[in-house]
Amino acid sequence: MDLILWRHAEAEEIAPGIDDPHRGLTPRGLKQARRAADWLNRFLPAGARVISSPALRCQQTAAALERRVKLAEALAPEGGVEGLLAAARWPDSREPVLVVGHQPTLGLAAAYLMTGARLGQAPGADLLPWAIKKGSVWWLRHRPREERGEVVLVAVRTAEMM
């Protein structure tokens, strides 16, 4: 299974009268989202599943793909790695899954999956989140191997690289 982690693009700062979930993308963030979406659309199969945090900045980032997007409360800013993996159906999903979300959850998920955390260990427990910059994409692939499989890093693209 392929799991693609996409951190939302640059968002507005918190301002009076605008709470965190309602912060939208800046003009720069909209450009970042469009560039990343162009790159993703070149490589993502048509049947890829796209899930997003319900936060406005994530919805706007995902909208740049011009694909069907399902909102998942488990991906909200206060969500955790377990919720992200459950929403993505990791590692059993038949189709690639693109997750649009937030730090530190995305960075914790990458650290958990790439370090081969022990079976039975809570996802993200005792790990520091890896830094995933705004607008960046991390593409991970689970490959079946012997008892539990392995995770391979396929690509990392920052907003500046796209």
N, C-alpha and C. Protein backbone atom coordinates (compact mmCIF):
# COMPACT_ATOMS: atom_id res chain seq x y z
N MET A 1 0.84 -1.19 0.00
CA MET A 1 0.00 0.00 0.00
C MET A 1 0.87 1.23 0.00
N ASP A 2 0.45 2.25 -0.72
CA ASP A 2 1.11 3.54 -0.70
C ASP A 2 0.34 4.48 0.21
N LEU A 3 1.06 5.17 1.08
CA LEU A 3 0.49 6.18 1.96
C LEU A 3 1.23 7.47 1.68
N ILE A 4 0.50 8.47 1.23
CA ILE A 4 1.10 9.75 0.90
C ILE A 4 0.64 10.76 1.95
N LEU A 5 1.60 11.35 2.63
CA LEU A 5 1.32 12.34 3.67
C LEU A 5 1.56 13.73 3.07
N TRP A 6 0.54 14.57 3.07
CA TRP A 6 0.65 15.91 2.50
C TRP A 6 0.26 16.91 3.59
N ARG A 7 1.24 17.69 4.04
CA ARG A 7 0.93 18.71 5.03
C ARG A 7 0.29 19.90 4.32
N HIS A 8 -0.72 20.46 4.95
CA HIS A 8 -1.41 21.61 4.35
C HIS A 8 -0.40 22.70 4.00
N ALA A 9 -0.73 23.48 3.00
CA ALA A 9 0.13 24.58 2.56
C ALA A 9 0.06 25.73 3.57
N GLU A 10 0.83 26.77 3.28
CA GLU A 10 0.93 27.91 4.20
C GLU A 10 -0.44 28.52 4.49
N ALA A 11 -0.73 28.68 5.77
CA ALA A 11 -2.05 29.17 6.20
C ALA A 11 -1.94 30.54 6.87
N GLU A 12 -3.09 31.20 6.95
CA GLU A 12 -3.17 32.49 7.64
C GLU A 12 -2.83 32.30 9.11
N GLU A 13 -2.32 33.33 9.71
CA GLU A 13 -2.07 33.31 11.15
C GLU A 13 -3.42 33.40 11.88
N ILE A 14 -3.43 32.95 13.11
CA ILE A 14 -4.64 33.10 13.92
C ILE A 14 -4.84 34.59 14.17
N ALA A 15 -6.06 35.04 13.95
CA ALA A 15 -6.40 36.45 14.12
C ALA A 15 -7.67 36.55 14.94
N PRO A 16 -7.94 37.72 15.52
CA PRO A 16 -9.18 37.89 16.28
C PRO A 16 -10.39 37.54 15.42
N GLY A 17 -11.26 36.75 15.96
CA GLY A 17 -12.47 36.36 15.27
C GLY A 17 -12.32 35.14 14.37
N ILE A 18 -11.10 34.63 14.19
CA ILE A 18 -10.89 33.43 13.37
C ILE A 18 -10.24 32.37 14.24
N ASP A 19 -10.98 31.29 14.47
CA ASP A 19 -10.38 30.23 15.28
C ASP A 19 -9.59 29.28 14.38
N ASP A 20 -8.77 28.44 14.99
CA ASP A 20 -7.82 27.62 14.26
C ASP A 20 -8.43 26.80 13.12
N PRO A 21 -9.54 26.09 13.32
CA PRO A 21 -10.07 25.27 12.22
C PRO A 21 -10.53 26.08 11.01
N HIS A 22 -10.76 27.38 11.18
CA HIS A 22 -11.29 28.21 10.10
C HIS A 22 -10.22 29.05 9.41
N ARG A 23 -8.95 28.80 9.71
CA ARG A 23 -7.88 29.53 9.03
C ARG A 23 -7.73 28.98 7.62
N GLY A 24 -7.72 29.88 6.66
CA GLY A 24 -7.56 29.49 5.27
C GLY A 24 -6.11 29.62 4.81
N LEU A 25 -5.88 29.27 3.56
CA LEU A 25 -4.54 29.39 2.98
C LEU A 25 -4.25 30.84 2.60
N THR A 26 -3.00 31.20 2.67
CA THR A 26 -2.55 32.50 2.18
C THR A 26 -2.46 32.42 0.65
N PRO A 27 -2.30 33.54 -0.03
CA PRO A 27 -2.07 33.47 -1.49
C PRO A 27 -0.86 32.59 -1.82
N ARG A 28 0.20 32.68 -1.04
CA ARG A 28 1.36 31.81 -1.25
C ARG A 28 0.99 30.35 -1.03
N GLY A 29 0.18 30.09 -0.01
CA GLY A 29 -0.27 28.73 0.27
C GLY A 29 -1.11 28.16 -0.87
N LEU A 30 -1.95 28.98 -1.48
CA LEU A 30 -2.74 28.51 -2.62
C LEU A 30 -1.84 28.10 -3.79
N LYS A 31 -0.77 28.88 -4.03
CA LYS A 31 0.19 28.53 -5.08
C LYS A 31 0.93 27.24 -4.73
N GLN A 32 1.32 27.10 -3.45
CA GLN A 32 1.99 25.87 -3.02
C GLN A 32 1.09 24.65 -3.25
N ALA A 33 -0.17 24.79 -2.89
CA ALA A 33 -1.12 23.68 -3.03
C ALA A 33 -1.29 23.31 -4.50
N ARG A 34 -1.39 24.30 -5.38
CA ARG A 34 -1.55 24.02 -6.82
C ARG A 34 -0.32 23.31 -7.39
N ARG A 35 0.88 23.76 -7.00
CA ARG A 35 2.11 23.13 -7.51
C ARG A 35 2.21 21.69 -7.02
N ALA A 36 1.91 21.47 -5.74
CA ALA A 36 1.96 20.10 -5.20
C ALA A 36 0.91 19.23 -5.86
N ALA A 37 -0.29 19.77 -6.07
CA ALA A 37 -1.36 19.01 -6.72
C ALA A 37 -0.96 18.63 -8.14
N ASP A 38 -0.33 19.53 -8.86
CA ASP A 38 0.13 19.20 -10.22
C ASP A 38 1.12 18.04 -10.17
N TRP A 39 2.05 18.09 -9.23
CA TRP A 39 3.03 17.00 -9.10
C TRP A 39 2.34 15.69 -8.72
N LEU A 40 1.46 15.75 -7.73
CA LEU A 40 0.76 14.55 -7.28
C LEU A 40 -0.09 13.94 -8.40
N ASN A 41 -0.79 14.78 -9.13
CA ASN A 41 -1.66 14.27 -10.19
C ASN A 41 -0.88 13.58 -11.31
N ARG A 42 0.40 13.87 -11.44
CA ARG A 42 1.23 13.17 -12.43
C ARG A 42 1.51 11.73 -12.00
N PHE A 43 1.49 11.47 -10.70
CA PHE A 43 1.91 10.16 -10.20
C PHE A 43 0.82 9.36 -9.50
N LEU A 44 -0.18 10.01 -8.96
CA LEU A 44 -1.25 9.31 -8.25
C LEU A 44 -2.18 8.59 -9.22
N PRO A 45 -2.45 7.32 -8.98
CA PRO A 45 -3.43 6.63 -9.83
C PRO A 45 -4.82 7.25 -9.67
N ALA A 46 -5.63 7.09 -10.68
CA ALA A 46 -6.99 7.64 -10.65
C ALA A 46 -7.79 7.11 -9.46
N GLY A 47 -7.53 5.86 -9.05
CA GLY A 47 -8.28 5.25 -7.96
C GLY A 47 -7.76 5.56 -6.56
N ALA A 48 -6.80 6.45 -6.45
CA ALA A 48 -6.27 6.79 -5.12
C ALA A 48 -7.37 7.42 -4.28
N ARG A 49 -7.36 7.07 -3.01
CA ARG A 49 -8.32 7.64 -2.06
C ARG A 49 -7.69 8.86 -1.40
N VAL A 50 -8.44 9.96 -1.31
CA VAL A 50 -7.94 11.20 -0.71
C VAL A 50 -8.78 11.50 0.53
N ILE A 51 -8.10 11.60 1.67
CA ILE A 51 -8.80 11.96 2.91
C ILE A 51 -8.11 13.19 3.50
N SER A 52 -8.91 14.03 4.15
CA SER A 52 -8.40 15.30 4.63
C SER A 52 -8.95 15.62 6.01
N SER A 53 -8.14 16.37 6.74
CA SER A 53 -8.62 16.99 7.98
C SER A 53 -9.78 17.92 7.61
N PRO A 54 -10.73 18.09 8.51
CA PRO A 54 -11.82 19.03 8.23
C PRO A 54 -11.40 20.50 8.35
N ALA A 55 -10.19 20.79 8.82
CA ALA A 55 -9.73 22.18 8.94
C ALA A 55 -9.72 22.82 7.55
N LEU A 56 -10.16 24.07 7.47
CA LEU A 56 -10.29 24.77 6.19
C LEU A 56 -8.99 24.74 5.39
N ARG A 57 -7.84 24.96 6.03
CA ARG A 57 -6.57 25.00 5.31
C ARG A 57 -6.25 23.66 4.63
N CYS A 58 -6.66 22.56 5.26
CA CYS A 58 -6.47 21.24 4.65
C CYS A 58 -7.46 21.01 3.51
N GLN A 59 -8.70 21.43 3.70
CA GLN A 59 -9.69 21.29 2.64
C GLN A 59 -9.27 22.08 1.40
N GLN A 60 -8.74 23.29 1.62
CA GLN A 60 -8.29 24.10 0.49
C GLN A 60 -7.07 23.48 -0.19
N THR A 61 -6.17 22.90 0.59
CA THR A 61 -5.00 22.22 0.03
C THR A 61 -5.46 21.06 -0.83
N ALA A 62 -6.33 20.21 -0.28
CA ALA A 62 -6.82 19.03 -1.00
C ALA A 62 -7.62 19.42 -2.24
N ALA A 63 -8.34 20.52 -2.19
CA ALA A 63 -9.17 20.95 -3.32
C ALA A 63 -8.34 21.21 -4.57
N ALA A 64 -7.07 21.56 -4.39
CA ALA A 64 -6.20 21.83 -5.54
C ALA A 64 -6.03 20.59 -6.42
N LEU A 65 -6.25 19.40 -5.87
CA LEU A 65 -6.14 18.16 -6.65
C LEU A 65 -7.27 18.00 -7.66
N GLU A 66 -8.39 18.63 -7.35
CA GLU A 66 -9.60 18.49 -8.16
C GLU A 66 -10.04 17.03 -8.25
N ARG A 67 -10.03 16.37 -7.09
CA ARG A 67 -10.49 14.99 -6.96
C ARG A 67 -11.49 14.94 -5.80
N ARG A 68 -12.17 13.83 -5.72
CA ARG A 68 -13.10 13.61 -4.60
C ARG A 68 -12.29 13.49 -3.32
N VAL A 69 -12.71 14.20 -2.28
CA VAL A 69 -12.01 14.21 -1.00
C VAL A 69 -13.00 13.86 0.11
N LYS A 70 -12.60 12.95 0.96
CA LYS A 70 -13.42 12.60 2.13
C LYS A 70 -12.80 13.26 3.35
N LEU A 71 -13.62 13.95 4.14
CA LEU A 71 -13.14 14.57 5.37
C LEU A 71 -13.16 13.52 6.48
N ALA A 72 -12.13 13.54 7.29
CA ALA A 72 -12.01 12.57 8.39
C ALA A 72 -11.66 13.32 9.67
N GLU A 73 -12.56 13.26 10.62
CA GLU A 73 -12.35 13.93 11.91
C GLU A 73 -11.06 13.45 12.59
N ALA A 74 -10.67 12.20 12.35
CA ALA A 74 -9.45 11.65 12.94
C ALA A 74 -8.21 12.41 12.49
N LEU A 75 -8.31 13.18 11.41
CA LEU A 75 -7.17 13.93 10.88
C LEU A 75 -7.16 15.38 11.34
N ALA A 76 -8.10 15.77 12.20
CA ALA A 76 -8.16 17.13 12.72
C ALA A 76 -6.87 17.45 13.47
N PRO A 77 -6.58 18.73 13.72
CA PRO A 77 -5.32 19.10 14.37
C PRO A 77 -5.02 18.36 15.67
N GLU A 78 -6.04 18.01 16.42
CA GLU A 78 -5.80 17.32 17.69
C GLU A 78 -5.80 15.80 17.53
N GLY A 79 -5.89 15.31 16.30
CA GLY A 79 -5.90 13.87 16.04
C GLY A 79 -4.53 13.26 16.29
N GLY A 80 -4.48 11.95 16.25
CA GLY A 80 -3.23 11.24 16.52
C GLY A 80 -2.89 10.25 15.43
N VAL A 81 -1.75 9.60 15.62
CA VAL A 81 -1.25 8.65 14.64
C VAL A 81 -2.20 7.47 14.48
N GLU A 82 -2.72 6.95 15.58
CA GLU A 82 -3.64 5.80 15.49
C GLU A 82 -4.85 6.13 14.62
N GLY A 83 -5.42 7.31 14.80
CA GLY A 83 -6.56 7.73 14.00
C GLY A 83 -6.21 7.89 12.54
N LEU A 84 -5.04 8.45 12.25
CA LEU A 84 -4.58 8.60 10.87
C LEU A 84 -4.44 7.24 10.21
N LEU A 85 -3.78 6.30 10.88
CA LEU A 85 -3.56 4.98 10.30
C LEU A 85 -4.88 4.23 10.11
N ALA A 86 -5.80 4.39 11.05
CA ALA A 86 -7.11 3.75 10.91
C ALA A 86 -7.88 4.34 9.74
N ALA A 87 -7.87 5.67 9.61
CA ALA A 87 -8.58 6.32 8.51
C ALA A 87 -8.01 5.91 7.15
N ALA A 88 -6.69 5.71 7.10
CA ALA A 88 -6.03 5.31 5.86
C ALA A 88 -6.12 3.81 5.61
N ARG A 89 -6.56 3.05 6.63
CA ARG A 89 -6.60 1.59 6.59
C ARG A 89 -5.20 1.00 6.34
N TRP A 90 -4.22 1.56 7.02
CA TRP A 90 -2.83 1.13 6.91
C TRP A 90 -2.64 -0.20 7.61
N PRO A 91 -1.93 -1.13 7.05
CA PRO A 91 -1.30 -1.18 5.74
C PRO A 91 -2.12 -1.98 4.73
N ASP A 92 -3.42 -2.15 5.00
CA ASP A 92 -4.23 -3.10 4.24
C ASP A 92 -5.04 -2.51 3.09
N SER A 93 -5.04 -1.21 2.92
CA SER A 93 -5.82 -0.60 1.85
C SER A 93 -5.33 -1.11 0.49
N ARG A 94 -6.25 -1.40 -0.39
CA ARG A 94 -5.88 -1.88 -1.72
C ARG A 94 -5.43 -0.74 -2.63
N GLU A 95 -5.93 0.46 -2.36
CA GLU A 95 -5.59 1.60 -3.20
C GLU A 95 -4.63 2.53 -2.44
N PRO A 96 -3.86 3.34 -3.17
CA PRO A 96 -3.03 4.35 -2.51
C PRO A 96 -3.93 5.32 -1.75
N VAL A 97 -3.44 5.83 -0.63
CA VAL A 97 -4.21 6.76 0.17
C VAL A 97 -3.38 8.03 0.38
N LEU A 98 -3.96 9.16 0.03
CA LEU A 98 -3.36 10.46 0.24
C LEU A 98 -4.04 11.11 1.44
N VAL A 99 -3.24 11.46 2.45
CA VAL A 99 -3.75 12.07 3.67
C VAL A 99 -3.30 13.52 3.70
N VAL A 100 -4.24 14.45 3.82
CA VAL A 100 -3.92 15.87 3.96
C VAL A 100 -4.16 16.24 5.42
N GLY A 101 -3.08 16.63 6.10
CA GLY A 101 -3.21 16.86 7.52
C GLY A 101 -2.21 17.84 8.09
N HIS A 102 -1.89 17.63 9.37
CA HIS A 102 -1.17 18.61 10.18
C HIS A 102 0.06 18.01 10.85
N GLN A 103 0.95 18.90 11.26
CA GLN A 103 2.00 18.57 12.20
C GLN A 103 1.40 18.70 13.59
N PRO A 104 1.80 17.97 14.58
CA PRO A 104 2.88 16.99 14.55
C PRO A 104 2.43 15.59 14.11
N THR A 105 1.14 15.39 13.86
CA THR A 105 0.64 14.04 13.56
C THR A 105 1.32 13.43 12.33
N LEU A 106 1.46 14.20 11.25
CA LEU A 106 2.10 13.65 10.06
C LEU A 106 3.54 13.25 10.34
N GLY A 107 4.27 14.10 11.05
CA GLY A 107 5.66 13.79 11.38
C GLY A 107 5.79 12.61 12.31
N LEU A 108 4.85 12.46 13.24
CA LEU A 108 4.86 11.29 14.12
C LEU A 108 4.55 10.02 13.34
N ALA A 109 3.61 10.12 12.39
CA ALA A 109 3.27 8.95 11.58
C ALA A 109 4.47 8.52 10.74
N ALA A 110 5.17 9.48 10.12
CA ALA A 110 6.35 9.16 9.33
C ALA A 110 7.42 8.52 10.20
N ALA A 111 7.66 9.07 11.38
CA ALA A 111 8.68 8.53 12.28
C ALA A 111 8.30 7.11 12.72
N TYR A 112 7.06 6.92 13.07
CA TYR A 112 6.59 5.61 13.52
C TYR A 112 6.74 4.56 12.42
N LEU A 113 6.31 4.89 11.21
CA LEU A 113 6.34 3.92 10.12
C LEU A 113 7.75 3.66 9.61
N MET A 114 8.58 4.68 9.56
CA MET A 114 9.92 4.53 8.99
C MET A 114 10.93 3.93 9.97
N THR A 115 10.68 4.05 11.26
CA THR A 115 11.65 3.51 12.22
C THR A 115 11.35 2.07 12.59
N GLY A 116 10.25 1.52 12.09
CA GLY A 116 9.93 0.13 12.39
C GLY A 116 9.61 -0.07 13.86
N ALA A 117 8.79 0.79 14.42
CA ALA A 117 8.41 0.68 15.83
C ALA A 117 7.92 -0.74 16.13
N ARG A 118 8.19 -1.18 17.32
CA ARG A 118 7.85 -2.55 17.72
C ARG A 118 6.35 -2.81 17.63
N LEU A 119 6.01 -4.05 17.28
CA LEU A 119 4.61 -4.46 17.30
C LEU A 119 4.07 -4.30 18.71
N GLY A 120 2.88 -3.82 18.82
CA GLY A 120 2.27 -3.64 20.13
C GLY A 120 2.57 -2.29 20.75
N GLN A 121 3.56 -1.58 20.24
CA GLN A 121 3.86 -0.24 20.75
C GLN A 121 2.83 0.72 20.19
N ALA A 122 2.34 1.61 21.01
CA ALA A 122 1.35 2.58 20.53
C ALA A 122 1.99 3.46 19.45
N PRO A 123 1.29 3.66 18.33
CA PRO A 123 1.85 4.51 17.27
C PRO A 123 2.21 5.89 17.79
N GLY A 124 3.46 6.27 17.59
CA GLY A 124 3.91 7.59 18.00
C GLY A 124 4.41 7.66 19.43
N ALA A 125 4.25 6.58 20.22
CA ALA A 125 4.70 6.61 21.61
C ALA A 125 6.22 6.72 21.65
N ASP A 126 6.71 7.60 22.47
CA ASP A 126 8.14 7.79 22.69
C ASP A 126 8.88 8.22 21.42
N LEU A 127 8.21 8.78 20.46
CA LEU A 127 8.87 9.28 19.26
C LEU A 127 8.74 10.80 19.20
N LEU A 128 9.72 11.42 18.59
CA LEU A 128 9.61 12.84 18.29
C LEU A 128 9.12 12.97 16.85
N PRO A 129 8.27 13.96 16.58
CA PRO A 129 7.78 14.09 15.21
C PRO A 129 8.90 14.53 14.28
N TRP A 130 8.94 13.92 13.11
CA TRP A 130 9.85 14.38 12.08
C TRP A 130 9.26 15.65 11.49
N ALA A 131 10.12 16.57 11.08
CA ALA A 131 9.66 17.85 10.54
C ALA A 131 9.18 17.68 9.11
N ILE A 132 7.92 17.94 8.90
CA ILE A 132 7.34 17.96 7.56
C ILE A 132 6.90 19.40 7.31
N LYS A 133 7.56 20.06 6.38
CA LYS A 133 7.30 21.46 6.11
C LYS A 133 5.92 21.66 5.48
N LYS A 134 5.38 22.84 5.65
CA LYS A 134 4.08 23.17 5.06
C LYS A 134 4.13 22.98 3.55
N GLY A 135 3.11 22.31 3.02
CA GLY A 135 3.00 22.08 1.60
C GLY A 135 3.80 20.89 1.09
N SER A 136 4.53 20.22 1.98
CA SER A 136 5.38 19.10 1.57
C SER A 136 4.61 17.79 1.47
N VAL A 137 5.16 16.89 0.65
CA VAL A 137 4.58 15.57 0.42
C VAL A 137 5.62 14.51 0.76
N TRP A 138 5.22 13.54 1.57
CA TRP A 138 6.06 12.36 1.88
C TRP A 138 5.30 11.14 1.38
N TRP A 139 5.92 10.37 0.50
CA TRP A 139 5.29 9.20 -0.11
C TRP A 139 5.94 7.96 0.47
N LEU A 140 5.15 7.16 1.20
CA LEU A 140 5.63 5.94 1.83
C LEU A 140 4.96 4.73 1.18
N ARG A 141 5.67 3.63 1.16
CA ARG A 141 5.11 2.40 0.58
C ARG A 141 5.36 1.23 1.53
N HIS A 142 4.31 0.49 1.82
CA HIS A 142 4.42 -0.74 2.60
C HIS A 142 4.59 -1.90 1.64
N ARG A 143 5.63 -2.69 1.88
CA ARG A 143 5.87 -3.88 1.06
C ARG A 143 5.83 -5.10 1.96
N PRO A 144 5.02 -6.09 1.60
CA PRO A 144 4.98 -7.31 2.40
C PRO A 144 6.36 -7.99 2.41
N ARG A 145 6.84 -8.29 3.58
CA ARG A 145 8.11 -8.98 3.75
C ARG A 145 8.02 -9.84 5.00
N GLU A 146 8.18 -11.12 4.81
CA GLU A 146 8.21 -12.08 5.90
C GLU A 146 7.11 -11.81 6.92
N GLU A 147 7.47 -11.59 8.17
CA GLU A 147 6.46 -11.51 9.23
C GLU A 147 5.62 -10.24 9.20
N ARG A 148 6.24 -9.06 9.00
CA ARG A 148 5.46 -7.84 9.15
C ARG A 148 5.58 -6.85 8.02
N GLY A 149 6.47 -7.04 7.11
CA GLY A 149 6.62 -6.12 6.00
C GLY A 149 7.63 -5.03 6.30
N GLU A 150 7.82 -4.17 5.33
CA GLU A 150 8.75 -3.05 5.49
C GLU A 150 8.15 -1.82 4.86
N VAL A 151 8.63 -0.67 5.32
CA VAL A 151 8.18 0.61 4.78
C VAL A 151 9.34 1.25 4.04
N VAL A 152 9.06 1.68 2.83
CA VAL A 152 10.06 2.31 1.98
C VAL A 152 9.64 3.75 1.73
N LEU A 153 10.60 4.65 1.80
CA LEU A 153 10.34 6.05 1.46
C LEU A 153 10.51 6.19 -0.05
N VAL A 154 9.43 6.50 -0.74
CA VAL A 154 9.43 6.58 -2.19
C VAL A 154 9.87 7.97 -2.65
N ALA A 155 9.34 9.01 -2.01
CA ALA A 155 9.67 10.38 -2.40
C ALA A 155 9.35 11.35 -1.28
N VAL A 156 10.12 12.41 -1.24
CA VAL A 156 9.83 13.57 -0.39
C VAL A 156 9.99 14.79 -1.26
N ARG A 157 8.97 15.60 -1.29
CA ARG A 157 9.00 16.83 -2.08
C ARG A 157 8.54 17.98 -1.20
N THR A 158 9.35 19.02 -1.10
CA THR A 158 8.93 20.23 -0.39
C THR A 158 8.20 21.14 -1.36
N ALA A 159 7.50 22.10 -0.82
CA ALA A 159 6.76 23.04 -1.67
C ALA A 159 7.71 23.76 -2.63
N GLU A 160 8.94 24.03 -2.20
CA GLU A 160 9.90 24.74 -3.04
C GLU A 160 10.41 23.88 -4.20
N MET A 161 10.31 22.55 -4.06
CA MET A 161 10.81 21.64 -5.08
C MET A 161 9.80 21.38 -6.20
N MET A 162 8.56 21.79 -6.00
CA MET A 162 7.52 21.46 -6.98
C MET A 162 7.22 22.63 -7.88
